[in-house]
Amino acid sequence: MQFTSLLRFTLATIVASQLPIAVSAAEGDVLTATKVFQTIVSESPFLVTRSTIVTWTQSASITESTSITPIPESIETAPATAQVEI
């Protein structure tokens, strides 16, 4: 019984590892997320006094890539600080 469930778990893990992780939006797709924030009275009877709905919208856009600045050959170190005994 335990061997069968372990075998199923292993097979499911192998299959899941082969699936793509990232979800990419095609050009023109619009992604929207909505969250409701509720303001609650901090005293009895603890009623909701106001609800605020916030919506975020993002669309796919093409941007030009920028060059990466090269890493300097030498890195300056910060000056040593003196330790004070207390």
PDB file of N, CA and C in Angstrom:
ATOM      1  N   MET A   1       0.819  -1.183   0.000  1.00  0.00           N
ATOM      2  CA  MET A   1       0.000   0.000   0.000  1.00  0.00           C
ATOM      3  C   MET A   1       0.869   1.256   0.000  1.00  0.00           C
ATOM      4  N   GLN A   2       1.836   1.317   0.923  1.00  0.00           N
ATOM      5  CA  GLN A   2       2.704   2.484   0.985  1.00  0.00           C
ATOM      6  C   GLN A   2       3.602   2.558  -0.240  1.00  0.00           C
ATOM      7  N   PHE A   3       4.021   1.408  -0.751  1.00  0.00           N
ATOM      8  CA  PHE A   3       4.874   1.393  -1.931  1.00  0.00           C
ATOM      9  C   PHE A   3       4.137   1.965  -3.137  1.00  0.00           C
ATOM     10  N   THR A   4       2.854   1.631  -3.276  1.00  0.00           N
ATOM     11  CA  THR A   4       2.053   2.125  -4.395  1.00  0.00           C
ATOM     12  C   THR A   4       1.897   3.637  -4.324  1.00  0.00           C
ATOM     13  N   SER A   5       1.607   4.168  -3.144  1.00  0.00           N
ATOM     14  CA  SER A   5       1.447   5.613  -3.011  1.00  0.00           C
ATOM     15  C   SER A   5       2.780   6.323  -3.225  1.00  0.00           C
ATOM     16  N   LEU A   6       3.877   5.722  -2.791  1.00  0.00           N
ATOM     17  CA  LEU A   6       5.193   6.310  -3.016  1.00  0.00           C
ATOM     18  C   LEU A   6       5.529   6.307  -4.499  1.00  0.00           C
ATOM     19  N   LEU A   7       5.176   5.241  -5.191  1.00  0.00           N
ATOM     20  CA  LEU A   7       5.416   5.150  -6.622  1.00  0.00           C
ATOM     21  C   LEU A   7       4.589   6.187  -7.374  1.00  0.00           C
ATOM     22  N   ARG A   8       3.332   6.362  -6.994  1.00  0.00           N
ATOM     23  CA  ARG A   8       2.483   7.382  -7.627  1.00  0.00           C
ATOM     24  C   ARG A   8       3.036   8.781  -7.383  1.00  0.00           C
ATOM     25  N   PHE A   9       3.480   9.051  -6.161  1.00  0.00           N
ATOM     26  CA  PHE A   9       4.056  10.357  -5.839  1.00  0.00           C
ATOM     27  C   PHE A   9       5.299  10.613  -6.676  1.00  0.00           C
ATOM     28  N   THR A  10       6.163   9.609  -6.807  1.00  0.00           N
ATOM     29  CA  THR A  10       7.391   9.750  -7.588  1.00  0.00           C
ATOM     30  C   THR A  10       7.074  10.015  -9.053  1.00  0.00           C
ATOM     31  N   LEU A  11       6.135   9.271  -9.611  1.00  0.00           N
ATOM     32  CA  LEU A  11       5.756   9.479 -11.008  1.00  0.00           C
ATOM     33  C   LEU A  11       5.144  10.864 -11.219  1.00  0.00           C
ATOM     34  N   ALA A  12       4.303  11.301 -10.297  1.00  0.00           N
ATOM     35  CA  ALA A  12       3.700  12.633 -10.408  1.00  0.00           C
ATOM     36  C   ALA A  12       4.760  13.718 -10.325  1.00  0.00           C
ATOM     37  N   THR A  13       5.767  13.529  -9.474  1.00  0.00           N
ATOM     38  CA  THR A  13       6.852  14.499  -9.350  1.00  0.00           C
ATOM     39  C   THR A  13       7.663  14.571 -10.631  1.00  0.00           C
ATOM     40  N   ILE A  14       7.943  13.428 -11.231  1.00  0.00           N
ATOM     41  CA  ILE A  14       8.712  13.409 -12.476  1.00  0.00           C
ATOM     42  C   ILE A  14       7.935  14.092 -13.593  1.00  0.00           C
ATOM     43  N   VAL A  15       6.652  13.806 -13.700  1.00  0.00           N
ATOM     44  CA  VAL A  15       5.830  14.434 -14.740  1.00  0.00           C
ATOM     45  C   VAL A  15       5.741  15.937 -14.509  1.00  0.00           C
ATOM     46  N   ALA A  16       5.534  16.368 -13.261  1.00  0.00           N
ATOM     47  CA  ALA A  16       5.417  17.790 -12.954  1.00  0.00           C
ATOM     48  C   ALA A  16       6.717  18.529 -13.217  1.00  0.00           C
ATOM     49  N   SER A  17       7.852  17.870 -13.038  1.00  0.00           N
ATOM     50  CA  SER A  17       9.133  18.544 -13.268  1.00  0.00           C
ATOM     51  C   SER A  17       9.376  18.799 -14.749  1.00  0.00           C
ATOM     52  N   GLN A  18       8.691  18.075 -15.614  1.00  0.00           N
ATOM     53  CA  GLN A  18       8.856  18.259 -17.049  1.00  0.00           C
ATOM     54  C   GLN A  18       7.930  19.339 -17.611  1.00  0.00           C
ATOM     55  N   LEU A  19       6.938  19.758 -16.845  1.00  0.00           N
ATOM     56  CA  LEU A  19       5.997  20.766 -17.313  1.00  0.00           C
ATOM     57  C   LEU A  19       6.603  22.157 -17.185  1.00  0.00           C
ATOM     58  N   PRO A  20       6.263  23.072 -18.089  1.00  0.00           N
ATOM     59  CA  PRO A  20       6.778  24.435 -17.971  1.00  0.00           C
ATOM     60  C   PRO A  20       6.219  25.121 -16.735  1.00  0.00           C
ATOM     61  N   ILE A  21       7.048  25.930 -16.102  1.00  0.00           N
ATOM     62  CA  ILE A  21       6.649  26.591 -14.862  1.00  0.00           C
ATOM     63  C   ILE A  21       6.026  27.957 -15.144  1.00  0.00           C
ATOM     64  N   ALA A  22       6.668  28.740 -15.991  1.00  0.00           N
ATOM     65  CA  ALA A  22       6.239  30.112 -16.218  1.00  0.00           C
ATOM     66  C   ALA A  22       5.037  30.159 -17.155  1.00  0.00           C
ATOM     67  N   VAL A  23       4.150  31.092 -16.873  1.00  0.00           N
ATOM     68  CA  VAL A  23       3.017  31.347 -17.748  1.00  0.00           C
ATOM     69  C   VAL A  23       3.290  32.680 -18.408  1.00  0.00           C
ATOM     70  N   SER A  24       3.425  32.667 -19.716  1.00  0.00           N
ATOM     71  CA  SER A  24       3.734  33.904 -20.411  1.00  0.00           C
ATOM     72  C   SER A  24       2.495  34.402 -21.135  1.00  0.00           C
ATOM     73  N   ALA A  25       2.367  35.699 -21.191  1.00  0.00           N
ATOM     74  CA  ALA A  25       1.230  36.307 -21.861  1.00  0.00           C
ATOM     75  C   ALA A  25       1.591  36.574 -23.313  1.00  0.00           C
ATOM     76  N   ALA A  26       0.712  36.197 -24.194  1.00  0.00           N
ATOM     77  CA  ALA A  26       0.924  36.478 -25.607  1.00  0.00           C
ATOM     78  C   ALA A  26       0.707  37.966 -25.844  1.00  0.00           C
ATOM     79  N   GLU A  27       1.225  38.448 -26.964  1.00  0.00           N
ATOM     80  CA  GLU A  27       1.087  39.870 -27.266  1.00  0.00           C
ATOM     81  C   GLU A  27      -0.394  40.208 -27.374  1.00  0.00           C
ATOM     82  N   GLY A  28      -0.808  41.232 -26.673  1.00  0.00           N
ATOM     83  CA  GLY A  28      -2.196  41.646 -26.692  1.00  0.00           C
ATOM     84  C   GLY A  28      -2.993  41.155 -25.503  1.00  0.00           C
ATOM     85  N   ASP A  29      -2.501  40.141 -24.793  1.00  0.00           N
ATOM     86  CA  ASP A  29      -3.216  39.666 -23.611  1.00  0.00           C
ATOM     87  C   ASP A  29      -3.101  40.690 -22.490  1.00  0.00           C
ATOM     88  N   VAL A  30      -4.134  40.815 -21.702  1.00  0.00           N
ATOM     89  CA  VAL A  30      -4.132  41.726 -20.565  1.00  0.00           C
ATOM     90  C   VAL A  30      -4.372  40.907 -19.307  1.00  0.00           C
ATOM     91  N   LEU A  31      -3.486  41.061 -18.326  1.00  0.00           N
ATOM     92  CA  LEU A  31      -3.609  40.355 -17.054  1.00  0.00           C
ATOM     93  C   LEU A  31      -4.180  41.318 -16.023  1.00  0.00           C
ATOM     94  N   THR A  32      -5.166  40.863 -15.253  1.00  0.00           N
ATOM     95  CA  THR A  32      -5.818  41.717 -14.272  1.00  0.00           C
ATOM     96  C   THR A  32      -5.894  40.992 -12.935  1.00  0.00           C
ATOM     97  N   ALA A  33      -5.581  41.713 -11.861  1.00  0.00           N
ATOM     98  CA  ALA A  33      -5.701  41.175 -10.506  1.00  0.00           C
ATOM     99  C   ALA A  33      -6.535  42.152  -9.685  1.00  0.00           C
ATOM    100  N   THR A  34      -7.426  41.627  -8.877  1.00  0.00           N
ATOM    101  CA  THR A  34      -8.292  42.460  -8.052  1.00  0.00           C
ATOM    102  C   THR A  34      -8.218  41.980  -6.612  1.00  0.00           C
ATOM    103  N   LYS A  35      -8.130  42.943  -5.675  1.00  0.00           N
ATOM    104  CA  LYS A  35      -8.117  42.600  -4.256  1.00  0.00           C
ATOM    105  C   LYS A  35      -9.054  43.548  -3.524  1.00  0.00           C
ATOM    106  N   VAL A  36      -9.796  43.004  -2.578  1.00  0.00           N
ATOM    107  CA  VAL A  36     -10.734  43.800  -1.789  1.00  0.00           C
ATOM    108  C   VAL A  36     -10.134  44.019  -0.408  1.00  0.00           C
ATOM    109  N   PHE A  37     -10.005  45.296  -0.019  1.00  0.00           N
ATOM    110  CA  PHE A  37      -9.511  45.654   1.307  1.00  0.00           C
ATOM    111  C   PHE A  37     -10.703  46.137   2.122  1.00  0.00           C
ATOM    112  N   GLN A  38     -10.902  45.565   3.300  1.00  0.00           N
ATOM    113  CA  GLN A  38     -12.016  45.958   4.147  1.00  0.00           C
ATOM    114  C   GLN A  38     -11.500  46.665   5.391  1.00  0.00           C
ATOM    115  N   THR A  39     -12.148  47.768   5.733  1.00  0.00           N
ATOM    116  CA  THR A  39     -11.820  48.493   6.951  1.00  0.00           C
ATOM    117  C   THR A  39     -12.783  48.032   8.039  1.00  0.00           C
ATOM    118  N   ILE A  40     -12.233  47.531   9.120  1.00  0.00           N
ATOM    119  CA  ILE A  40     -13.055  46.980  10.197  1.00  0.00           C
ATOM    120  C   ILE A  40     -12.907  47.859  11.434  1.00  0.00           C
ATOM    121  N   VAL A  41     -14.022  48.093  12.110  1.00  0.00           N
ATOM    122  CA  VAL A  41     -14.016  48.868  13.342  1.00  0.00           C
ATOM    123  C   VAL A  41     -13.290  48.058  14.406  1.00  0.00           C
ATOM    124  N   SER A  42     -12.374  48.702  15.129  1.00  0.00           N
ATOM    125  CA  SER A  42     -11.578  47.981  16.121  1.00  0.00           C
ATOM    126  C   SER A  42     -12.295  47.807  17.464  1.00  0.00           C
ATOM    127  N   GLU A  43     -13.513  48.323  17.570  1.00  0.00           N
ATOM    128  CA  GLU A  43     -14.286  48.176  18.800  1.00  0.00           C
ATOM    129  C   GLU A  43     -15.564  47.398  18.504  1.00  0.00           C
ATOM    130  N   SER A  44     -16.135  46.812  19.528  1.00  0.00           N
ATOM    131  CA  SER A  44     -17.370  46.047  19.371  1.00  0.00           C
ATOM    132  C   SER A  44     -18.433  46.931  18.739  1.00  0.00           C
ATOM    133  N   PRO A  45     -19.156  46.485  17.788  1.00  0.00           N
ATOM    134  CA  PRO A  45     -19.468  45.154  17.296  1.00  0.00           C
ATOM    135  C   PRO A  45     -18.590  44.698  16.125  1.00  0.00           C
ATOM    136  N   PHE A  46     -17.452  45.327  15.884  1.00  0.00           N
ATOM    137  CA  PHE A  46     -16.479  44.903  14.879  1.00  0.00           C
ATOM    138  C   PHE A  46     -17.104  44.767  13.488  1.00  0.00           C
ATOM    139  N   LEU A  47     -17.772  45.771  13.053  1.00  0.00           N
ATOM    140  CA  LEU A  47     -18.430  45.751  11.751  1.00  0.00           C
ATOM    141  C   LEU A  47     -17.498  46.285  10.666  1.00  0.00           C
ATOM    142  N   VAL A  48     -17.769  45.865   9.453  1.00  0.00           N
ATOM    143  CA  VAL A  48     -17.027  46.393   8.311  1.00  0.00           C
ATOM    144  C   VAL A  48     -17.646  47.737   7.956  1.00  0.00           C
ATOM    145  N   THR A  49     -16.830  48.781   7.953  1.00  0.00           N
ATOM    146  CA  THR A  49     -17.358  50.105   7.671  1.00  0.00           C
ATOM    147  C   THR A  49     -17.147  50.528   6.226  1.00  0.00           C
ATOM    148  N   ARG A  50     -16.144  49.955   5.567  1.00  0.00           N
ATOM    149  CA  ARG A  50     -15.859  50.375   4.206  1.00  0.00           C
ATOM    150  C   ARG A  50     -15.090  49.278   3.495  1.00  0.00           C
ATOM    151  N   SER A  51     -15.374  49.096   2.229  1.00  0.00           N
ATOM    152  CA  SER A  51     -14.616  48.165   1.395  1.00  0.00           C
ATOM    153  C   SER A  51     -13.999  48.950   0.250  1.00  0.00           C
ATOM    154  N   THR A  52     -12.732  48.696  -0.018  1.00  0.00           N
ATOM    155  CA  THR A  52     -12.032  49.339  -1.119  1.00  0.00           C
ATOM    156  C   THR A  52     -11.558  48.258  -2.071  1.00  0.00           C
ATOM    157  N   ILE A  53     -11.884  48.410  -3.336  1.00  0.00           N
ATOM    158  CA  ILE A  53     -11.468  47.441  -4.348  1.00  0.00           C
ATOM    159  C   ILE A  53     -10.333  48.056  -5.150  1.00  0.00           C
ATOM    160  N   VAL A  54      -9.208  47.351  -5.206  1.00  0.00           N
ATOM    161  CA  VAL A  54      -8.047  47.807  -5.967  1.00  0.00           C
ATOM    162  C   VAL A  54      -7.828  46.826  -7.106  1.00  0.00           C
ATOM    163  N   THR A  55      -7.689  47.350  -8.320  1.00  0.00           N
ATOM    164  CA  THR A  55      -7.485  46.514  -9.497  1.00  0.00           C
ATOM    165  C   THR A  55      -6.177  46.897 -10.157  1.00  0.00           C
ATOM    166  N   TRP A  56      -5.327  45.896 -10.404  1.00  0.00           N
ATOM    167  CA  TRP A  56      -4.074  46.097 -11.117  1.00  0.00           C
ATOM    168  C   TRP A  56      -4.229  45.482 -12.502  1.00  0.00           C
ATOM    169  N   THR A  57      -3.798  46.195 -13.518  1.00  0.00           N
ATOM    170  CA  THR A  57      -3.879  45.690 -14.884  1.00  0.00           C
ATOM    171  C   THR A  57      -2.515  45.824 -15.531  1.00  0.00           C
ATOM    172  N   GLN A  58      -2.097  44.775 -16.217  1.00  0.00           N
ATOM    173  CA  GLN A  58      -0.805  44.780 -16.893  1.00  0.00           C
ATOM    174  C   GLN A  58      -0.982  44.124 -18.253  1.00  0.00           C
ATOM    175  N   SER A  59      -0.404  44.753 -19.260  1.00  0.00           N
ATOM    176  CA  SER A  59      -0.468  44.159 -20.590  1.00  0.00           C
ATOM    177  C   SER A  59       0.943  43.860 -21.064  1.00  0.00           C
ATOM    178  N   ALA A  60       1.034  42.901 -21.948  1.00  0.00           N
ATOM    179  CA  ALA A  60       2.341  42.529 -22.487  1.00  0.00           C
ATOM    180  C   ALA A  60       2.826  43.642 -23.410  1.00  0.00           C
ATOM    181  N   SER A  61       4.080  43.996 -23.289  1.00  0.00           N
ATOM    182  CA  SER A  61       4.654  45.008 -24.170  1.00  0.00           C
ATOM    183  C   SER A  61       6.076  44.605 -24.515  1.00  0.00           C
ATOM    184  N   ILE A  62       6.505  45.022 -25.670  1.00  0.00           N
ATOM    185  CA  ILE A  62       7.846  44.700 -26.129  1.00  0.00           C
ATOM    186  C   ILE A  62       8.758  45.872 -25.792  1.00  0.00           C
ATOM    187  N   THR A  63       9.848  45.595 -25.124  1.00  0.00           N
ATOM    188  CA  THR A  63      10.817  46.629 -24.796  1.00  0.00           C
ATOM    189  C   THR A  63      12.158  46.262 -25.386  1.00  0.00           C
ATOM    190  N   GLU A  64      12.942  47.291 -25.689  1.00  0.00           N
ATOM    191  CA  GLU A  64      14.279  47.046 -26.217  1.00  0.00           C
ATOM    192  C   GLU A  64      15.195  46.641 -25.077  1.00  0.00           C
ATOM    193  N   SER A  65      16.061  45.692 -25.350  1.00  0.00           N
ATOM    194  CA  SER A  65      16.995  45.262 -24.318  1.00  0.00           C
ATOM    195  C   SER A  65      18.111  46.283 -24.190  1.00  0.00           C
ATOM    196  N   THR A  66      18.640  46.403 -22.995  1.00  0.00           N
ATOM    197  CA  THR A  66      19.748  47.322 -22.750  1.00  0.00           C
ATOM    198  C   THR A  66      20.998  46.515 -22.457  1.00  0.00           C
ATOM    199  N   SER A  67      22.125  47.124 -22.749  1.00  0.00           N
ATOM    200  CA  SER A  67      23.376  46.416 -22.497  1.00  0.00           C
ATOM    201  C   SER A  67      23.687  46.417 -21.005  1.00  0.00           C
ATOM    202  N   ILE A  68      24.349  45.386 -20.570  1.00  0.00           N
ATOM    203  CA  ILE A  68      24.730  45.248 -19.170  1.00  0.00           C
ATOM    204  C   ILE A  68      26.101  45.876 -18.989  1.00  0.00           C
ATOM    205  N   THR A  69      26.246  46.683 -17.944  1.00  0.00           N
ATOM    206  CA  THR A  69      27.548  47.297 -17.695  1.00  0.00           C
ATOM    207  C   THR A  69      28.529  46.230 -17.238  1.00  0.00           C
ATOM    208  N   PRO A  70      29.754  46.285 -17.747  1.00  0.00           N
ATOM    209  CA  PRO A  70      30.728  45.255 -17.381  1.00  0.00           C
ATOM    210  C   PRO A  70      31.165  45.374 -15.922  1.00  0.00           C
ATOM    211  N   ILE A  71      31.609  44.269 -15.369  1.00  0.00           N
ATOM    212  CA  ILE A  71      32.113  44.234 -13.998  1.00  0.00           C
ATOM    213  C   ILE A  71      33.514  44.831 -13.996  1.00  0.00           C
ATOM    214  N   PRO A  72      33.803  45.761 -13.085  1.00  0.00           N
ATOM    215  CA  PRO A  72      35.145  46.352 -13.053  1.00  0.00           C
ATOM    216  C   PRO A  72      36.200  45.299 -12.706  1.00  0.00           C
ATOM    217  N   GLU A  73      37.405  45.517 -13.235  1.00  0.00           N
ATOM    218  CA  GLU A  73      38.482  44.555 -12.987  1.00  0.00           C
ATOM    219  C   GLU A  73      38.920  44.553 -11.531  1.00  0.00           C
ATOM    220  N   SER A  74      38.929  45.721 -10.896  1.00  0.00           N
ATOM    221  CA  SER A  74      39.325  45.779  -9.491  1.00  0.00           C
ATOM    222  C   SER A  74      38.194  46.405  -8.689  1.00  0.00           C
ATOM    223  N   ILE A  75      37.987  45.879  -7.518  1.00  0.00           N
ATOM    224  CA  ILE A  75      36.946  46.393  -6.637  1.00  0.00           C
ATOM    225  C   ILE A  75      37.631  47.032  -5.445  1.00  0.00           C
ATOM    226  N   GLU A  76      37.282  48.294  -5.206  1.00  0.00           N
ATOM    227  CA  GLU A  76      37.878  49.000  -4.074  1.00  0.00           C
ATOM    228  C   GLU A  76      37.230  48.504  -2.787  1.00  0.00           C
ATOM    229  N   THR A  77      38.043  48.306  -1.778  1.00  0.00           N
ATOM    230  CA  THR A  77      37.514  47.865  -0.493  1.00  0.00           C
ATOM    231  C   THR A  77      37.339  49.061   0.422  1.00  0.00           C
ATOM    232  N   ALA A  78      36.414  48.944   1.321  1.00  0.00           N
ATOM    233  CA  ALA A  78      36.173  50.011   2.283  1.00  0.00           C
ATOM    234  C   ALA A  78      37.343  50.080   3.255  1.00  0.00           C
ATOM    235  N   PRO A  79      37.666  51.275   3.741  1.00  0.00           N
ATOM    236  CA  PRO A  79      38.770  51.389   4.694  1.00  0.00           C
ATOM    237  C   PRO A  79      38.464  50.621   5.976  1.00  0.00           C
ATOM    238  N   ALA A  80      39.501  50.061   6.558  1.00  0.00           N
ATOM    239  CA  ALA A  80      39.345  49.283   7.784  1.00  0.00           C
ATOM    240  C   ALA A  80      38.948  50.200   8.926  1.00  0.00           C
ATOM    241  N   THR A  81      38.077  49.719   9.780  1.00  0.00           N
ATOM    242  CA  THR A  81      37.664  50.511  10.933  1.00  0.00           C
ATOM    243  C   THR A  81      38.366  49.974  12.169  1.00  0.00           C
ATOM    244  N   ALA A  82      38.687  50.875  13.058  1.00  0.00           N
ATOM    245  CA  ALA A  82      39.366  50.484  14.292  1.00  0.00           C
ATOM    246  C   ALA A  82      38.340  49.936  15.274  1.00  0.00           C
ATOM    247  N   GLN A  83      38.695  48.869  15.960  1.00  0.00           N
ATOM    248  CA  GLN A  83      37.803  48.305  16.959  1.00  0.00           C
ATOM    249  C   GLN A  83      38.115  48.921  18.310  1.00  0.00           C
ATOM    250  N   VAL A  84      37.079  49.292  19.011  1.00  0.00           N
ATOM    251  CA  VAL A  84      37.231  49.918  20.315  1.00  0.00           C
ATOM    252  C   VAL A  84      36.764  48.926  21.367  1.00  0.00           C
ATOM    253  N   GLU A  85      37.612  48.689  22.370  1.00  0.00           N
ATOM    254  CA  GLU A  85      37.234  47.786  23.448  1.00  0.00           C
ATOM    255  C   GLU A  85      36.455  48.555  24.496  1.00  0.00           C
ATOM    256  N   ILE A  86      35.394  47.943  24.971  1.00  0.00           N
ATOM    257  CA  ILE A  86      34.560  48.608  25.985  1.00  0.00           C
ATOM    258  C   ILE A  86      34.733  47.906  27.301  1.00  0.00           C
TER     259      ILE A  86
END
